[in-house]
């Protein structure tokens, strides 16, 4: 009986490992495909989007690329934050604006996939967003931890602010109780530009 229980536990462990590896592979393939589409969209010379007013994405479409130099992150941005979109990359919260609109831009991602190295980021780190209508650079000014159901982080700011959100603690197993939120502000171009 003891041998049967041991074998059953080993089998269950192998099944969980196989399922996890399969899900990781699926997510990686989906994110890679989305990144390729996002990079093509940003670099499309045949159908350029020269102005923000021309940009009107639909839910679940790739809309841009988020670059995080410190952690060497190059991530696709997808319109919407449902689980389907977050499997493809970083989700843009649809009720917030886009870069250049002078209000809050909220991007969310999973802590164990696209934002897995977020714990390494600190004040002064940069985020670069490539959109079909331009490139925008932001600098991290602060980060905070809020409860998972705290919606006060989604609100008019009165100025342009890039808000990035992911589950917290980073190494937590299962649904995390908190959110890690980063606030980054536009980098002013130098007077010589």
C-alpha atoms as a PDB file:
ATOM      1  CA  UNK A   1       0.000   0.000   0.000  1.00  0.00           C
ATOM      2  CA  UNK A   2       2.850   2.340   0.872  1.00  0.00           C
ATOM      3  CA  UNK A   3       4.501   1.759  -2.521  1.00  0.00           C
ATOM      4  CA  UNK A   4       1.221   2.500  -4.304  1.00  0.00           C
ATOM      5  CA  UNK A   5       0.819   5.815  -2.433  1.00  0.00           C
ATOM      6  CA  UNK A   6       4.405   6.786  -3.258  1.00  0.00           C
ATOM      7  CA  UNK A   7       3.941   5.961  -6.931  1.00  0.00           C
ATOM      8  CA  UNK A   8       0.666   7.883  -7.007  1.00  0.00           C
ATOM      9  CA  UNK A   9       2.318  10.976  -5.533  1.00  0.00           C
ATOM     10  CA  UNK A  10       5.180  10.752  -8.040  1.00  0.00           C
ATOM     11  CA  UNK A  11       2.683  10.392 -10.894  1.00  0.00           C
ATOM     12  CA  UNK A  12       0.696  13.416  -9.688  1.00  0.00           C
ATOM     13  CA  UNK A  13       3.930  15.434  -9.476  1.00  0.00           C
ATOM     14  CA  UNK A  14       4.896  14.429 -13.017  1.00  0.00           C
ATOM     15  CA  UNK A  15       1.453  15.396 -14.327  1.00  0.00           C
ATOM     16  CA  UNK A  16       1.647  18.843 -12.657  1.00  0.00           C
ATOM     17  CA  UNK A  17       5.156  19.360 -14.059  1.00  0.00           C
ATOM     18  CA  UNK A  18       4.076  18.337 -17.561  1.00  0.00           C
ATOM     19  CA  UNK A  19       1.027  20.647 -17.465  1.00  0.00           C
ATOM     20  CA  UNK A  20       3.168  23.568 -16.218  1.00  0.00           C
ATOM     21  CA  UNK A  21       5.778  23.019 -18.935  1.00  0.00           C
ATOM     22  CA  UNK A  22       3.074  22.819 -21.594  1.00  0.00           C
ATOM     23  CA  UNK A  23       1.442  26.053 -20.380  1.00  0.00           C
ATOM     24  CA  UNK A  24       4.827  27.806 -20.294  1.00  0.00           C
ATOM     25  CA  UNK A  25       5.585  26.657 -23.837  1.00  0.00           C
ATOM     26  CA  UNK A  26       2.135  27.788 -25.039  1.00  0.00           C
ATOM     27  CA  UNK A  27       2.556  31.213 -23.423  1.00  0.00           C
ATOM     28  CA  UNK A  28       6.070  31.628 -24.841  1.00  0.00           C
ATOM     29  CA  UNK A  29       4.909  30.769 -28.353  1.00  0.00           C
ATOM     30  CA  UNK A  30       1.919  33.097 -28.101  1.00  0.00           C
ATOM     31  CA  UNK A  31       4.044  35.976 -26.747  1.00  0.00           C
ATOM     32  CA  UNK A  32       6.657  35.446 -29.466  1.00  0.00           C
ATOM     33  CA  UNK A  33       3.979  35.568 -32.171  1.00  0.00           C
ATOM     34  CA  UNK A  34       2.445  38.711 -30.621  1.00  0.00           C
ATOM     35  CA  UNK A  35       5.839  40.413 -30.395  1.00  0.00           C
ATOM     36  CA  UNK A  36       6.471  39.728 -34.073  1.00  0.00           C
ATOM     37  CA  UNK A  37       3.074  41.242 -34.985  1.00  0.00           C
ATOM     38  CA  UNK A  38       3.622  44.254 -32.707  1.00  0.00           C
ATOM     39  CA  UNK A  39       7.072  44.945 -34.172  1.00  0.00           C
ATOM     40  CA  UNK A  40       5.646  44.715 -37.706  1.00  0.00           C
ATOM     41  CA  UNK A  41       2.862  47.141 -36.769  1.00  0.00           C
ATOM     42  CA  UNK A  42       5.314  49.676 -35.343  1.00  0.00           C
ATOM     43  CA  UNK A  43       7.641  49.396 -38.347  1.00  0.00           C
ATOM     44  CA  UNK A  44       4.924  49.242 -41.056  1.00  0.00           C
ATOM     45  CA  UNK A  45       6.142  51.585 -43.793  1.00  0.00           C
ATOM     46  CA  UNK A  46       3.351  50.674 -46.232  1.00  0.00           C
ATOM     47  CA  UNK A  47       0.542  51.746 -43.885  1.00  0.00           C
ATOM     48  CA  UNK A  48       2.094  54.261 -41.496  1.00  0.00           C
ATOM     49  CA  UNK A  49       0.060  55.800 -38.699  1.00  0.00           C
ATOM     50  CA  UNK A  50       1.505  59.293 -38.504  1.00  0.00           C
ATOM     51  CA  UNK A  51      -0.864  60.765 -35.962  1.00  0.00           C
ATOM     52  CA  UNK A  52      -2.426  59.574 -32.731  1.00  0.00           C
ATOM     53  CA  UNK A  53      -5.902  60.422 -34.113  1.00  0.00           C
ATOM     54  CA  UNK A  54      -5.459  57.724 -36.786  1.00  0.00           C
ATOM     55  CA  UNK A  55      -4.798  55.052 -34.156  1.00  0.00           C
ATOM     56  CA  UNK A  56      -7.923  53.121 -33.105  1.00  0.00           C
ATOM     57  CA  UNK A  57      -7.105  49.508 -32.115  1.00  0.00           C
ATOM     58  CA  UNK A  58      -9.621  46.804 -31.361  1.00  0.00           C
ATOM     59  CA  UNK A  59      -9.605  44.524 -28.334  1.00  0.00           C
ATOM     60  CA  UNK A  60      -7.056  41.692 -28.504  1.00  0.00           C
ATOM     61  CA  UNK A  61      -4.956  43.429 -31.209  1.00  0.00           C
ATOM     62  CA  UNK A  62      -1.253  44.024 -30.847  1.00  0.00           C
ATOM     63  CA  UNK A  63      -0.775  47.798 -30.447  1.00  0.00           C
ATOM     64  CA  UNK A  64       2.888  48.407 -29.665  1.00  0.00           C
ATOM     65  CA  UNK A  65       6.093  47.277 -28.007  1.00  0.00           C
ATOM     66  CA  UNK A  66       7.250  47.902 -24.423  1.00  0.00           C
ATOM     67  CA  UNK A  67      11.021  47.982 -23.954  1.00  0.00           C
ATOM     68  CA  UNK A  68      12.544  47.805 -20.476  1.00  0.00           C
ATOM     69  CA  UNK A  69      16.329  48.244 -20.930  1.00  0.00           C
ATOM     70  CA  UNK A  70      17.383  47.339 -17.381  1.00  0.00           C
ATOM     71  CA  UNK A  71      15.915  43.836 -17.589  1.00  0.00           C
ATOM     72  CA  UNK A  72      16.380  43.537 -21.368  1.00  0.00           C
ATOM     73  CA  UNK A  73      12.620  43.216 -21.785  1.00  0.00           C
ATOM     74  CA  UNK A  74      11.056  43.551 -25.236  1.00  0.00           C
ATOM     75  CA  UNK A  75       7.355  42.834 -24.822  1.00  0.00           C
ATOM     76  CA  UNK A  76       4.283  43.049 -27.065  1.00  0.00           C
ATOM     77  CA  UNK A  77       1.473  45.321 -25.894  1.00  0.00           C
ATOM     78  CA  UNK A  78      -2.034  43.994 -26.563  1.00  0.00           C
ATOM     79  CA  UNK A  79      -5.297  45.946 -26.284  1.00  0.00           C
ATOM     80  CA  UNK A  80      -7.244  44.680 -23.271  1.00  0.00           C
ATOM     81  CA  UNK A  81      -6.429  42.955 -19.997  1.00  0.00           C
ATOM     82  CA  UNK A  82      -8.545  39.802 -20.080  1.00  0.00           C
ATOM     83  CA  UNK A  83      -6.630  36.573 -19.513  1.00  0.00           C
ATOM     84  CA  UNK A  84      -6.661  35.867 -23.267  1.00  0.00           C
ATOM     85  CA  UNK A  85      -4.755  39.112 -23.894  1.00  0.00           C
ATOM     86  CA  UNK A  86      -2.347  38.693 -20.983  1.00  0.00           C
ATOM     87  CA  UNK A  87      -1.319  35.308 -22.380  1.00  0.00           C
ATOM     88  CA  UNK A  88      -0.064  37.158 -25.467  1.00  0.00           C
ATOM     89  CA  UNK A  89       1.902  39.858 -23.662  1.00  0.00           C
ATOM     90  CA  UNK A  90       1.371  43.080 -21.723  1.00  0.00           C
ATOM     91  CA  UNK A  91      -2.253  44.227 -21.621  1.00  0.00           C
ATOM     92  CA  UNK A  92      -3.350  47.847 -22.102  1.00  0.00           C
ATOM     93  CA  UNK A  93      -6.250  48.680 -19.783  1.00  0.00           C
ATOM     94  CA  UNK A  94      -8.834  49.888 -22.314  1.00  0.00           C
ATOM     95  CA  UNK A  95     -10.361  52.618 -20.142  1.00  0.00           C
ATOM     96  CA  UNK A  96      -7.023  54.438 -19.978  1.00  0.00           C
ATOM     97  CA  UNK A  97      -5.371  56.487 -22.728  1.00  0.00           C
ATOM     98  CA  UNK A  98      -2.433  55.841 -25.044  1.00  0.00           C
ATOM     99  CA  UNK A  99       1.046  57.386 -24.930  1.00  0.00           C
ATOM    100  CA  UNK A 100       0.979  61.063 -25.838  1.00  0.00           C
ATOM    101  CA  UNK A 101      -2.596  61.613 -24.592  1.00  0.00           C
ATOM    102  CA  UNK A 102      -1.444  63.402 -21.407  1.00  0.00           C
ATOM    103  CA  UNK A 103      -3.247  61.164 -18.901  1.00  0.00           C
ATOM    104  CA  UNK A 104      -2.865  57.734 -17.306  1.00  0.00           C
ATOM    105  CA  UNK A 105      -1.705  54.790 -19.425  1.00  0.00           C
ATOM    106  CA  UNK A 106      -2.157  51.497 -17.550  1.00  0.00           C
ATOM    107  CA  UNK A 107      -0.326  48.345 -18.629  1.00  0.00           C
ATOM    108  CA  UNK A 108      -0.681  45.015 -16.810  1.00  0.00           C
ATOM    109  CA  UNK A 109       1.141  41.725 -17.066  1.00  0.00           C
ATOM    110  CA  UNK A 110       1.612  38.434 -15.250  1.00  0.00           C
ATOM    111  CA  UNK A 111       4.401  38.340 -12.656  1.00  0.00           C
ATOM    112  CA  UNK A 112       5.487  34.871 -13.712  1.00  0.00           C
ATOM    113  CA  UNK A 113       5.745  35.613 -17.445  1.00  0.00           C
ATOM    114  CA  UNK A 114       6.214  39.075 -19.010  1.00  0.00           C
ATOM    115  CA  UNK A 115       6.843  40.925 -15.729  1.00  0.00           C
ATOM    116  CA  UNK A 116       8.816  38.204 -13.923  1.00  0.00           C
ATOM    117  CA  UNK A 117      11.889  40.449 -13.403  1.00  0.00           C
ATOM    118  CA  UNK A 118       9.957  43.476 -12.105  1.00  0.00           C
ATOM    119  CA  UNK A 119      11.512  43.129  -8.658  1.00  0.00           C
ATOM    120  CA  UNK A 120      14.835  44.301 -10.137  1.00  0.00           C
ATOM    121  CA  UNK A 121      13.442  47.675 -11.238  1.00  0.00           C
ATOM    122  CA  UNK A 122      14.078  50.811  -9.218  1.00  0.00           C
ATOM    123  CA  UNK A 123      13.633  54.557  -9.289  1.00  0.00           C
ATOM    124  CA  UNK A 124      15.244  56.072 -12.394  1.00  0.00           C
ATOM    125  CA  UNK A 125      14.819  53.005 -14.637  1.00  0.00           C
ATOM    126  CA  UNK A 126      13.383  53.648 -18.083  1.00  0.00           C
ATOM    127  CA  UNK A 127      10.468  52.277 -20.098  1.00  0.00           C
ATOM    128  CA  UNK A 128      10.240  52.877 -23.847  1.00  0.00           C
ATOM    129  CA  UNK A 129       6.972  52.402 -25.686  1.00  0.00           C
ATOM    130  CA  UNK A 130       7.015  52.079 -29.473  1.00  0.00           C
ATOM    131  CA  UNK A 131       3.634  52.825 -31.011  1.00  0.00           C
ATOM    132  CA  UNK A 132       2.716  53.047 -34.700  1.00  0.00           C
ATOM    133  CA  UNK A 133       2.549  56.851 -34.298  1.00  0.00           C
ATOM    134  CA  UNK A 134       5.732  57.425 -32.269  1.00  0.00           C
ATOM    135  CA  UNK A 135       8.148  56.411 -29.534  1.00  0.00           C
ATOM    136  CA  UNK A 136       7.645  57.484 -25.914  1.00  0.00           C
ATOM    137  CA  UNK A 137      10.084  57.233 -23.021  1.00  0.00           C
ATOM    138  CA  UNK A 138       9.206  57.192 -19.318  1.00  0.00           C
ATOM    139  CA  UNK A 139      11.243  57.160 -16.112  1.00  0.00           C
ATOM    140  CA  UNK A 140      10.230  55.266 -12.985  1.00  0.00           C
ATOM    141  CA  UNK A 141       9.637  57.606 -10.040  1.00  0.00           C
ATOM    142  CA  UNK A 142       7.958  55.318  -7.536  1.00  0.00           C
ATOM    143  CA  UNK A 143       6.472  51.916  -6.844  1.00  0.00           C
ATOM    144  CA  UNK A 144       3.930  50.786  -4.301  1.00  0.00           C
ATOM    145  CA  UNK A 145       2.148  47.662  -3.156  1.00  0.00           C
ATOM    146  CA  UNK A 146      -1.645  47.702  -2.948  1.00  0.00           C
ATOM    147  CA  UNK A 147      -4.296  45.084  -2.249  1.00  0.00           C
ATOM    148  CA  UNK A 148      -5.349  43.004  -5.257  1.00  0.00           C
ATOM    149  CA  UNK A 149      -8.817  44.546  -5.399  1.00  0.00           C
ATOM    150  CA  UNK A 150      -7.655  48.175  -4.956  1.00  0.00           C
ATOM    151  CA  UNK A 151      -9.005  50.039  -7.992  1.00  0.00           C
ATOM    152  CA  UNK A 152      -7.804  53.469  -6.826  1.00  0.00           C
ATOM    153  CA  UNK A 153      -4.672  53.008  -8.948  1.00  0.00           C
ATOM    154  CA  UNK A 154      -6.900  53.482 -12.019  1.00  0.00           C
ATOM    155  CA  UNK A 155      -7.892  57.133 -11.931  1.00  0.00           C
ATOM    156  CA  UNK A 156      -7.328  60.418 -13.763  1.00  0.00           C
ATOM    157  CA  UNK A 157      -3.893  61.747 -12.902  1.00  0.00           C
ATOM    158  CA  UNK A 158      -4.047  65.235 -14.424  1.00  0.00           C
ATOM    159  CA  UNK A 159      -0.819  64.530 -16.297  1.00  0.00           C
ATOM    160  CA  UNK A 160       0.713  61.806 -18.411  1.00  0.00           C
ATOM    161  CA  UNK A 161       1.797  58.844 -16.293  1.00  0.00           C
ATOM    162  CA  UNK A 162       2.646  55.306 -17.316  1.00  0.00           C
ATOM    163  CA  UNK A 163       1.293  52.928 -14.671  1.00  0.00           C
ATOM    164  CA  UNK A 164       2.456  49.301 -14.748  1.00  0.00           C
ATOM    165  CA  UNK A 165       0.776  46.664 -12.595  1.00  0.00           C
ATOM    166  CA  UNK A 166       1.434  43.029 -11.770  1.00  0.00           C
ATOM    167  CA  UNK A 167       0.589  40.548  -9.027  1.00  0.00           C
ATOM    168  CA  UNK A 168       2.641  40.560  -5.831  1.00  0.00           C
ATOM    169  CA  UNK A 169       4.537  38.977  -4.072  1.00  0.00           C
ATOM    170  CA  UNK A 170       6.571  37.923  -7.082  1.00  0.00           C
ATOM    171  CA  UNK A 171       7.369  34.398  -5.862  1.00  0.00           C
ATOM    172  CA  UNK A 172       3.893  33.686  -4.489  1.00  0.00           C
ATOM    173  CA  UNK A 173       2.259  30.410  -5.536  1.00  0.00           C
ATOM    174  CA  UNK A 174      -1.380  30.793  -6.599  1.00  0.00           C
ATOM    175  CA  UNK A 175      -3.544  33.931  -6.791  1.00  0.00           C
ATOM    176  CA  UNK A 176      -1.522  36.733  -5.194  1.00  0.00           C
ATOM    177  CA  UNK A 177      -3.097  38.919  -2.496  1.00  0.00           C
ATOM    178  CA  UNK A 178      -1.500  42.178  -3.671  1.00  0.00           C
ATOM    179  CA  UNK A 179      -0.465  44.200  -6.719  1.00  0.00           C
ATOM    180  CA  UNK A 180       2.897  45.832  -7.392  1.00  0.00           C
ATOM    181  CA  UNK A 181       2.355  49.161  -9.143  1.00  0.00           C
ATOM    182  CA  UNK A 182       5.028  51.278 -10.852  1.00  0.00           C
ATOM    183  CA  UNK A 183       4.542  54.933 -11.773  1.00  0.00           C
ATOM    184  CA  UNK A 184       6.730  56.320 -14.569  1.00  0.00           C
ATOM    185  CA  UNK A 185       6.619  59.802 -16.072  1.00  0.00           C
ATOM    186  CA  UNK A 186       7.577  61.128 -19.509  1.00  0.00           C
ATOM    187  CA  UNK A 187      11.229  61.907 -20.034  1.00  0.00           C
ATOM    188  CA  UNK A 188      11.447  65.477 -21.237  1.00  0.00           C
ATOM    189  CA  UNK A 189      13.385  65.808 -24.508  1.00  0.00           C
ATOM    190  CA  UNK A 190      16.555  67.846 -24.160  1.00  0.00           C
ATOM    191  CA  UNK A 191      16.370  71.453 -25.347  1.00  0.00           C
ATOM    192  CA  UNK A 192      18.712  70.599 -28.224  1.00  0.00           C
ATOM    193  CA  UNK A 193      16.181  68.202 -29.831  1.00  0.00           C
END
